[in-house]
């Protein structure tokens, strides 16, 4: 949520891997049980739009996509921080 708010309210630049977070989601979830199988499921009747700009997006888009590599992980590197420090 912080990413969405920073992006919409202060025009933050989002850098890193593709986000798995959704900018908009359902709220007021209620749990239900099917009477015969007793399977539980959640359902909502309300969808909150936290970002009108990202209304139709299913992920929070990156302004600069920088995927992580195993080589960097193994050596303790940080591609995102390297990028940020290289920008002047």
PDB file of N, CA and C in Angstrom:
ATOM      1  N   UNK A   1       0.815  -1.186   0.000  1.00  0.00           N
ATOM      2  CA  UNK A   1       0.000   0.000   0.000  1.00  0.00           C
ATOM      3  C   UNK A   1       0.864   1.257   0.000  1.00  0.00           C
ATOM      4  N   UNK A   2       1.976   1.190   0.703  1.00  0.00           N
ATOM      5  CA  UNK A   2       2.864   2.357   0.755  1.00  0.00           C
ATOM      6  C   UNK A   2       3.359   2.720  -0.637  1.00  0.00           C
ATOM      7  N   UNK A   3       3.671   1.715  -1.440  1.00  0.00           N
ATOM      8  CA  UNK A   3       4.143   1.963  -2.800  1.00  0.00           C
ATOM      9  C   UNK A   3       3.086   2.683  -3.615  1.00  0.00           C
ATOM     10  N   UNK A   4       1.842   2.251  -3.525  1.00  0.00           N
ATOM     11  CA  UNK A   4       0.748   2.872  -4.275  1.00  0.00           C
ATOM     12  C   UNK A   4       0.557   4.317  -3.834  1.00  0.00           C
ATOM     13  N   UNK A   5       0.530   4.553  -2.533  1.00  0.00           N
ATOM     14  CA  UNK A   5       0.337   5.915  -2.023  1.00  0.00           C
ATOM     15  C   UNK A   5       1.498   6.828  -2.412  1.00  0.00           C
ATOM     16  N   UNK A   6       2.726   6.351  -2.274  1.00  0.00           N
ATOM     17  CA  UNK A   6       3.887   7.168  -2.628  1.00  0.00           C
ATOM     18  C   UNK A   6       3.885   7.495  -4.112  1.00  0.00           C
ATOM     19  N   UNK A   7       3.507   6.545  -4.893  1.00  0.00           N
ATOM     20  CA  UNK A   7       3.456   6.750  -6.342  1.00  0.00           C
ATOM     21  C   UNK A   7       2.395   7.783  -6.734  1.00  0.00           C
ATOM     22  N   UNK A   8       1.211   7.644  -6.152  1.00  0.00           N
ATOM     23  CA  UNK A   8       0.103   8.529  -6.509  1.00  0.00           C
ATOM     24  C   UNK A   8       0.208   9.914  -5.886  1.00  0.00           C
ATOM     25  N   UNK A   9       0.728  10.001  -4.658  1.00  0.00           N
ATOM     26  CA  UNK A   9       0.678  11.281  -3.942  1.00  0.00           C
ATOM     27  C   UNK A   9       1.951  12.114  -4.038  1.00  0.00           C
ATOM     28  N   UNK A  10       3.108  11.468  -4.179  1.00  0.00           N
ATOM     29  CA  UNK A  10       4.339  12.255  -4.266  1.00  0.00           C
ATOM     30  C   UNK A  10       5.160  11.920  -5.511  1.00  0.00           C
ATOM     31  N   UNK A  11       4.552  11.206  -6.443  1.00  0.00           N
ATOM     32  CA  UNK A  11       5.203  10.850  -7.709  1.00  0.00           C
ATOM     33  C   UNK A  11       6.528  10.123  -7.512  1.00  0.00           C
ATOM     34  N   UNK A  12       6.557   9.195  -6.548  1.00  0.00           N
ATOM     35  CA  UNK A  12       7.754   8.391  -6.299  1.00  0.00           C
ATOM     36  C   UNK A  12       8.073   7.532  -7.517  1.00  0.00           C
ATOM     37  N   UNK A  13       9.330   7.273  -7.711  1.00  0.00           N
ATOM     38  CA  UNK A  13       9.784   6.383  -8.775  1.00  0.00           C
ATOM     39  C   UNK A  13       9.980   5.010  -8.141  1.00  0.00           C
ATOM     40  N   UNK A  14       9.340   4.001  -8.708  1.00  0.00           N
ATOM     41  CA  UNK A  14       9.384   2.647  -8.148  1.00  0.00           C
ATOM     42  C   UNK A  14      10.419   1.838  -8.924  1.00  0.00           C
ATOM     43  N   UNK A  15      11.397   1.317  -8.175  1.00  0.00           N
ATOM     44  CA  UNK A  15      12.523   0.611  -8.779  1.00  0.00           C
ATOM     45  C   UNK A  15      12.625  -0.776  -8.166  1.00  0.00           C
ATOM     46  N   UNK A  16      12.902  -1.773  -8.988  1.00  0.00           N
ATOM     47  CA  UNK A  16      13.133  -3.109  -8.458  1.00  0.00           C
ATOM     48  C   UNK A  16      12.528  -4.190  -9.316  1.00  0.00           C
ATOM     49  N   UNK A  17      12.202  -5.309  -8.666  1.00  0.00           N
ATOM     50  CA  UNK A  17      11.578  -6.434  -9.346  1.00  0.00           C
ATOM     51  C   UNK A  17      10.096  -6.164  -9.561  1.00  0.00           C
ATOM     52  N   UNK A  18       9.507  -6.857 -10.500  1.00  0.00           N
ATOM     53  CA  UNK A  18       8.079  -6.738 -10.737  1.00  0.00           C
ATOM     54  C   UNK A  18       7.342  -7.099  -9.447  1.00  0.00           C
ATOM     55  N   UNK A  19       6.435  -6.258  -9.056  1.00  0.00           N
ATOM     56  CA  UNK A  19       5.703  -6.456  -7.809  1.00  0.00           C
ATOM     57  C   UNK A  19       4.672  -7.565  -7.950  1.00  0.00           C
ATOM     58  N   UNK A  20       4.475  -8.298  -6.881  1.00  0.00           N
ATOM     59  CA  UNK A  20       3.420  -9.298  -6.852  1.00  0.00           C
ATOM     60  C   UNK A  20       2.200  -8.744  -6.110  1.00  0.00           C
ATOM     61  N   UNK A  21       2.326  -7.532  -5.601  1.00  0.00           N
ATOM     62  CA  UNK A  21       1.228  -6.912  -4.850  1.00  0.00           C
ATOM     63  C   UNK A  21       0.185  -6.337  -5.802  1.00  0.00           C
ATOM     64  N   UNK A  22      -1.049  -6.340  -5.358  1.00  0.00           N
ATOM     65  CA  UNK A  22      -2.133  -5.767  -6.152  1.00  0.00           C
ATOM     66  C   UNK A  22      -2.497  -4.384  -5.611  1.00  0.00           C
ATOM     67  N   UNK A  23      -2.697  -3.422  -6.493  1.00  0.00           N
ATOM     68  CA  UNK A  23      -3.024  -2.078  -6.019  1.00  0.00           C
ATOM     69  C   UNK A  23      -4.457  -1.949  -5.505  1.00  0.00           C
ATOM     70  N   UNK A  24      -5.332  -2.812  -5.920  1.00  0.00           N
ATOM     71  CA  UNK A  24      -6.740  -2.743  -5.531  1.00  0.00           C
ATOM     72  C   UNK A  24      -7.197  -4.142  -5.138  1.00  0.00           C
ATOM     73  N   UNK A  25      -8.013  -4.236  -4.113  1.00  0.00           N
ATOM     74  CA  UNK A  25      -8.440  -5.552  -3.643  1.00  0.00           C
ATOM     75  C   UNK A  25      -9.761  -5.461  -2.907  1.00  0.00           C
ATOM     76  N   UNK A  26     -10.313  -6.618  -2.605  1.00  0.00           N
ATOM     77  CA  UNK A  26     -11.574  -6.692  -1.890  1.00  0.00           C
ATOM     78  C   UNK A  26     -11.393  -6.468  -0.405  1.00  0.00           C
ATOM     79  N   UNK A  27     -12.390  -5.873   0.222  1.00  0.00           N
ATOM     80  CA  UNK A  27     -12.379  -5.673   1.671  1.00  0.00           C
ATOM     81  C   UNK A  27     -13.658  -6.210   2.269  1.00  0.00           C
ATOM     82  N   UNK A  28     -13.691  -6.198   3.591  1.00  0.00           N
ATOM     83  CA  UNK A  28     -14.855  -6.701   4.328  1.00  0.00           C
ATOM     84  C   UNK A  28     -15.135  -8.153   3.970  1.00  0.00           C
ATOM     85  N   UNK A  29     -14.070  -8.941   3.991  1.00  0.00           N
ATOM     86  CA  UNK A  29     -14.206 -10.357   3.670  1.00  0.00           C
ATOM     87  C   UNK A  29     -15.011 -11.081   4.742  1.00  0.00           C
ATOM     88  N   UNK A  30     -15.843 -11.977   4.309  1.00  0.00           N
ATOM     89  CA  UNK A  30     -16.590 -12.834   5.217  1.00  0.00           C
ATOM     90  C   UNK A  30     -16.296 -14.282   4.852  1.00  0.00           C
ATOM     91  N   UNK A  31     -16.163 -15.108   5.863  1.00  0.00           N
ATOM     92  CA  UNK A  31     -15.919 -16.533   5.634  1.00  0.00           C
ATOM     93  C   UNK A  31     -17.238 -17.285   5.631  1.00  0.00           C
ATOM     94  N   UNK A  32     -17.334 -18.235   4.726  1.00  0.00           N
ATOM     95  CA  UNK A  32     -18.535 -19.063   4.598  1.00  0.00           C
ATOM     96  C   UNK A  32     -18.098 -20.521   4.539  1.00  0.00           C
ATOM     97  N   UNK A  33     -18.969 -21.403   4.949  1.00  0.00           N
ATOM     98  CA  UNK A  33     -18.718 -22.839   4.867  1.00  0.00           C
ATOM     99  C   UNK A  33     -19.811 -23.481   4.026  1.00  0.00           C
ATOM    100  N   UNK A  34     -19.403 -24.329   3.094  1.00  0.00           N
ATOM    101  CA  UNK A  34     -20.385 -25.068   2.316  1.00  0.00           C
ATOM    102  C   UNK A  34     -21.015 -26.130   3.226  1.00  0.00           C
ATOM    103  N   UNK A  35     -22.328 -26.260   3.183  1.00  0.00           N
ATOM    104  CA  UNK A  35     -23.006 -27.100   4.164  1.00  0.00           C
ATOM    105  C   UNK A  35     -22.646 -28.592   4.106  1.00  0.00           C
ATOM    106  N   UNK A  36     -22.447 -29.155   2.954  1.00  0.00           N
ATOM    107  CA  UNK A  36     -22.183 -30.595   2.866  1.00  0.00           C
ATOM    108  C   UNK A  36     -20.701 -30.928   3.006  1.00  0.00           C
ATOM    109  N   UNK A  37     -19.854 -30.207   2.283  1.00  0.00           N
ATOM    110  CA  UNK A  37     -18.423 -30.526   2.292  1.00  0.00           C
ATOM    111  C   UNK A  37     -17.670 -29.842   3.435  1.00  0.00           C
ATOM    112  N   UNK A  38     -18.271 -28.805   3.997  1.00  0.00           N
ATOM    113  CA  UNK A  38     -17.642 -28.004   5.065  1.00  0.00           C
ATOM    114  C   UNK A  38     -16.415 -27.241   4.574  1.00  0.00           C
ATOM    115  N   UNK A  39     -16.280 -27.107   3.258  1.00  0.00           N
ATOM    116  CA  UNK A  39     -15.181 -26.315   2.713  1.00  0.00           C
ATOM    117  C   UNK A  39     -15.409 -24.846   3.038  1.00  0.00           C
ATOM    118  N   UNK A  40     -14.323 -24.173   3.413  1.00  0.00           N
ATOM    119  CA  UNK A  40     -14.399 -22.762   3.762  1.00  0.00           C
ATOM    120  C   UNK A  40     -13.990 -21.917   2.561  1.00  0.00           C
ATOM    121  N   UNK A  41     -14.682 -20.813   2.341  1.00  0.00           N
ATOM    122  CA  UNK A  41     -14.272 -19.863   1.316  1.00  0.00           C
ATOM    123  C   UNK A  41     -14.557 -18.456   1.812  1.00  0.00           C
ATOM    124  N   UNK A  42     -13.834 -17.489   1.262  1.00  0.00           N
ATOM    125  CA  UNK A  42     -14.017 -16.087   1.624  1.00  0.00           C
ATOM    126  C   UNK A  42     -14.684 -15.362   0.473  1.00  0.00           C
ATOM    127  N   UNK A  43     -15.524 -14.426   0.825  1.00  0.00           N
ATOM    128  CA  UNK A  43     -16.268 -13.688  -0.191  1.00  0.00           C
ATOM    129  C   UNK A  43     -16.438 -12.243   0.266  1.00  0.00           C
ATOM    130  N   UNK A  44     -16.477 -11.331  -0.679  1.00  0.00           N
ATOM    131  CA  UNK A  44     -16.705  -9.926  -0.362  1.00  0.00           C
ATOM    132  C   UNK A  44     -17.677  -9.340  -1.368  1.00  0.00           C
ATOM    133  N   UNK A  45     -18.324  -8.281  -0.964  1.00  0.00           N
ATOM    134  CA  UNK A  45     -19.229  -7.593  -1.890  1.00  0.00           C
ATOM    135  C   UNK A  45     -18.725  -6.189  -2.192  1.00  0.00           C
ATOM    136  N   UNK A  46     -17.468  -5.907  -1.821  1.00  0.00           N
ATOM    137  CA  UNK A  46     -16.940  -4.568  -2.003  1.00  0.00           C
ATOM    138  C   UNK A  46     -15.499  -4.633  -2.477  1.00  0.00           C
ATOM    139  N   UNK A  47     -15.172  -3.877  -3.525  1.00  0.00           N
ATOM    140  CA  UNK A  47     -13.811  -3.792  -4.035  1.00  0.00           C
ATOM    141  C   UNK A  47     -13.318  -2.372  -3.800  1.00  0.00           C
ATOM    142  N   UNK A  48     -12.210  -2.247  -3.088  1.00  0.00           N
ATOM    143  CA  UNK A  48     -11.633  -0.931  -2.807  1.00  0.00           C
ATOM    144  C   UNK A  48     -10.631  -0.571  -3.891  1.00  0.00           C
ATOM    145  N   UNK A  49     -10.763   0.616  -4.430  1.00  0.00           N
ATOM    146  CA  UNK A  49      -9.795   1.115  -5.401  1.00  0.00           C
ATOM    147  C   UNK A  49      -8.913   2.127  -4.701  1.00  0.00           C
ATOM    148  N   UNK A  50      -7.714   1.704  -4.339  1.00  0.00           N
ATOM    149  CA  UNK A  50      -6.765   2.576  -3.648  1.00  0.00           C
ATOM    150  C   UNK A  50      -6.097   3.534  -4.619  1.00  0.00           C
ATOM    151  N   UNK A  51      -6.065   3.156  -5.872  1.00  0.00           N
ATOM    152  CA  UNK A  51      -5.418   3.985  -6.876  1.00  0.00           C
ATOM    153  C   UNK A  51      -6.268   4.005  -8.134  1.00  0.00           C
ATOM    154  N   UNK A  52      -6.836   5.130  -8.423  1.00  0.00           N
ATOM    155  CA  UNK A  52      -7.620   5.247  -9.661  1.00  0.00           C
ATOM    156  C   UNK A  52      -6.720   5.086 -10.881  1.00  0.00           C
ATOM    157  N   UNK A  53      -5.485   5.545 -10.759  1.00  0.00           N
ATOM    158  CA  UNK A  53      -4.541   5.434 -11.868  1.00  0.00           C
ATOM    159  C   UNK A  53      -4.217   3.980 -12.200  1.00  0.00           C
ATOM    160  N   UNK A  54      -4.231   3.128 -11.191  1.00  0.00           N
ATOM    161  CA  UNK A  54      -3.893   1.715 -11.387  1.00  0.00           C
ATOM    162  C   UNK A  54      -5.131   0.837 -11.376  1.00  0.00           C
ATOM    163  N   UNK A  55      -6.268   1.409 -11.612  1.00  0.00           N
ATOM    164  CA  UNK A  55      -7.548   0.717 -11.486  1.00  0.00           C
ATOM    165  C   UNK A  55      -7.604  -0.617 -12.235  1.00  0.00           C
ATOM    166  N   UNK A  56      -7.097  -0.654 -13.457  1.00  0.00           N
ATOM    167  CA  UNK A  56      -7.203  -1.876 -14.262  1.00  0.00           C
ATOM    168  C   UNK A  56      -5.958  -2.759 -14.168  1.00  0.00           C
ATOM    169  N   UNK A  57      -4.955  -2.358 -13.389  1.00  0.00           N
ATOM    170  CA  UNK A  57      -3.719  -3.136 -13.260  1.00  0.00           C
ATOM    171  C   UNK A  57      -3.902  -4.279 -12.279  1.00  0.00           C
ATOM    172  N   UNK A  58      -3.273  -5.403 -12.543  1.00  0.00           N
ATOM    173  CA  UNK A  58      -3.312  -6.496 -11.579  1.00  0.00           C
ATOM    174  C   UNK A  58      -2.019  -6.549 -10.765  1.00  0.00           C
ATOM    175  N   UNK A  59      -1.040  -5.714 -11.082  1.00  0.00           N
ATOM    176  CA  UNK A  59       0.216  -5.599 -10.344  1.00  0.00           C
ATOM    177  C   UNK A  59       0.607  -4.124 -10.285  1.00  0.00           C
ATOM    178  N   UNK A  60       1.456  -3.802  -9.318  1.00  0.00           N
ATOM    179  CA  UNK A  60       1.988  -2.441  -9.239  1.00  0.00           C
ATOM    180  C   UNK A  60       3.171  -2.379 -10.206  1.00  0.00           C
ATOM    181  N   UNK A  61       3.080  -1.561 -11.251  1.00  0.00           N
ATOM    182  CA  UNK A  61       4.159  -1.535 -12.236  1.00  0.00           C
ATOM    183  C   UNK A  61       5.409  -0.832 -11.704  1.00  0.00           C
ATOM    184  N   UNK A  62       6.565  -1.257 -12.169  1.00  0.00           N
ATOM    185  CA  UNK A  62       7.837  -0.631 -11.817  1.00  0.00           C
ATOM    186  C   UNK A  62       8.146   0.453 -12.834  1.00  0.00           C
ATOM    187  N   UNK A  63       8.733   1.537 -12.397  1.00  0.00           N
ATOM    188  CA  UNK A  63       9.215   2.560 -13.327  1.00  0.00           C
ATOM    189  C   UNK A  63      10.553   2.130 -13.910  1.00  0.00           C
ATOM    190  N   UNK A  64      11.370   1.467 -13.092  1.00  0.00           N
ATOM    191  CA  UNK A  64      12.638   0.907 -13.541  1.00  0.00           C
ATOM    192  C   UNK A  64      12.678  -0.530 -13.030  1.00  0.00           C
ATOM    193  N   UNK A  65      12.639  -1.484 -13.946  1.00  0.00           N
ATOM    194  CA  UNK A  65      12.659  -2.894 -13.560  1.00  0.00           C
ATOM    195  C   UNK A  65      14.098  -3.379 -13.500  1.00  0.00           C
ATOM    196  N   UNK A  66      14.473  -3.897 -12.333  1.00  0.00           N
ATOM    197  CA  UNK A  66      15.812  -4.431 -12.133  1.00  0.00           C
ATOM    198  C   UNK A  66      15.668  -5.794 -11.467  1.00  0.00           C
ATOM    199  N   UNK A  67      15.720  -6.862 -12.243  1.00  0.00           N
ATOM    200  CA  UNK A  67      15.588  -8.195 -11.651  1.00  0.00           C
ATOM    201  C   UNK A  67      16.832  -8.573 -10.848  1.00  0.00           C
ATOM    202  N   UNK A  68      16.617  -9.323  -9.788  1.00  0.00           N
ATOM    203  CA  UNK A  68      17.718  -9.835  -8.975  1.00  0.00           C
ATOM    204  C   UNK A  68      18.366 -11.012  -9.703  1.00  0.00           C
ATOM    205  N   UNK A  69      19.662 -11.209  -9.452  1.00  0.00           N
ATOM    206  CA  UNK A  69      20.360 -12.360 -10.005  1.00  0.00           C
ATOM    207  C   UNK A  69      20.934 -13.196  -8.858  1.00  0.00           C
ATOM    208  N   UNK A  70      21.073 -14.474  -9.099  1.00  0.00           N
ATOM    209  CA  UNK A  70      21.636 -15.341  -8.077  1.00  0.00           C
ATOM    210  C   UNK A  70      23.092 -14.976  -7.811  1.00  0.00           C
ATOM    211  N   UNK A  71      23.808 -14.613  -8.846  1.00  0.00           N
ATOM    212  CA  UNK A  71      25.218 -14.230  -8.695  1.00  0.00           C
ATOM    213  C   UNK A  71      25.346 -13.061  -7.715  1.00  0.00           C
ATOM    214  N   UNK A  72      24.500 -12.075  -7.882  1.00  0.00           N
ATOM    215  CA  UNK A  72      24.527 -10.918  -6.983  1.00  0.00           C
ATOM    216  C   UNK A  72      24.104 -11.306  -5.574  1.00  0.00           C
ATOM    217  N   UNK A  73      23.075 -12.136  -5.471  1.00  0.00           N
ATOM    218  CA  UNK A  73      22.607 -12.605  -4.165  1.00  0.00           C
ATOM    219  C   UNK A  73      23.723 -13.351  -3.424  1.00  0.00           C
ATOM    220  N   UNK A  74      24.395 -14.217  -4.143  1.00  0.00           N
ATOM    221  CA  UNK A  74      25.453 -15.027  -3.544  1.00  0.00           C
ATOM    222  C   UNK A  74      26.614 -14.155  -3.060  1.00  0.00           C
ATOM    223  N   UNK A  75      26.889 -13.081  -3.786  1.00  0.00           N
ATOM    224  CA  UNK A  75      28.014 -12.219  -3.401  1.00  0.00           C
ATOM    225  C   UNK A  75      27.593 -11.086  -2.463  1.00  0.00           C
ATOM    226  N   UNK A  76      26.304 -11.022  -2.135  1.00  0.00           N
ATOM    227  CA  UNK A  76      25.833  -9.975  -1.218  1.00  0.00           C
ATOM    228  C   UNK A  76      25.577  -8.642  -1.910  1.00  0.00           C
ATOM    229  N   UNK A  77      25.489  -8.666  -3.232  1.00  0.00           N
ATOM    230  CA  UNK A  77      25.259  -7.443  -3.990  1.00  0.00           C
ATOM    231  C   UNK A  77      23.804  -7.002  -3.955  1.00  0.00           C
ATOM    232  N   UNK A  78      23.563  -5.803  -4.409  1.00  0.00           N
ATOM    233  CA  UNK A  78      22.204  -5.252  -4.453  1.00  0.00           C
ATOM    234  C   UNK A  78      22.076  -4.396  -5.712  1.00  0.00           C
ATOM    235  N   UNK A  79      21.494  -4.988  -6.759  1.00  0.00           N
ATOM    236  CA  UNK A  79      21.379  -4.300  -8.041  1.00  0.00           C
ATOM    237  C   UNK A  79      20.567  -3.015  -7.950  1.00  0.00           C
ATOM    238  N   UNK A  80      19.529  -3.018  -7.135  1.00  0.00           N
ATOM    239  CA  UNK A  80      18.676  -1.828  -7.006  1.00  0.00           C
ATOM    240  C   UNK A  80      19.463  -0.697  -6.369  1.00  0.00           C
ATOM    241  N   UNK A  81      20.165  -0.960  -5.281  1.00  0.00           N
ATOM    242  CA  UNK A  81      20.955   0.088  -4.640  1.00  0.00           C
ATOM    243  C   UNK A  81      22.072   0.560  -5.557  1.00  0.00           C
ATOM    244  N   UNK A  82      22.692  -0.351  -6.281  1.00  0.00           N
ATOM    245  CA  UNK A  82      23.725   0.040  -7.244  1.00  0.00           C
ATOM    246  C   UNK A  82      23.147   1.013  -8.266  1.00  0.00           C
ATOM    247  N   UNK A  83      21.947   0.724  -8.762  1.00  0.00           N
ATOM    248  CA  UNK A  83      21.296   1.611  -9.740  1.00  0.00           C
ATOM    249  C   UNK A  83      21.029   2.985  -9.126  1.00  0.00           C
ATOM    250  N   UNK A  84      20.453   2.993  -7.927  1.00  0.00           N
ATOM    251  CA  UNK A  84      20.106   4.256  -7.261  1.00  0.00           C
ATOM    252  C   UNK A  84      21.357   5.112  -7.058  1.00  0.00           C
ATOM    253  N   UNK A  85      22.444   4.493  -6.611  1.00  0.00           N
ATOM    254  CA  UNK A  85      23.678   5.246  -6.374  1.00  0.00           C
ATOM    255  C   UNK A  85      24.331   5.721  -7.652  1.00  0.00           C
ATOM    256  N   UNK A  86      24.014   5.071  -8.787  1.00  0.00           N
ATOM    257  CA  UNK A  86      24.619   5.483 -10.066  1.00  0.00           C
ATOM    258  C   UNK A  86      23.870   6.653 -10.710  1.00  0.00           C
ATOM    259  N   UNK A  87      22.656   6.941 -10.262  1.00  0.00           N
ATOM    260  CA  UNK A  87      21.862   8.016 -10.855  1.00  0.00           C
ATOM    261  C   UNK A  87      22.293   9.356 -10.242  1.00  0.00           C
ATOM    262  N   UNK A  88      22.577  10.288 -11.090  1.00  0.00           N
ATOM    263  CA  UNK A  88      22.983  11.614 -10.585  1.00  0.00           C
ATOM    264  C   UNK A  88      22.123  12.705 -11.124  1.00  0.00           C
TER     265      UNK A  88
END
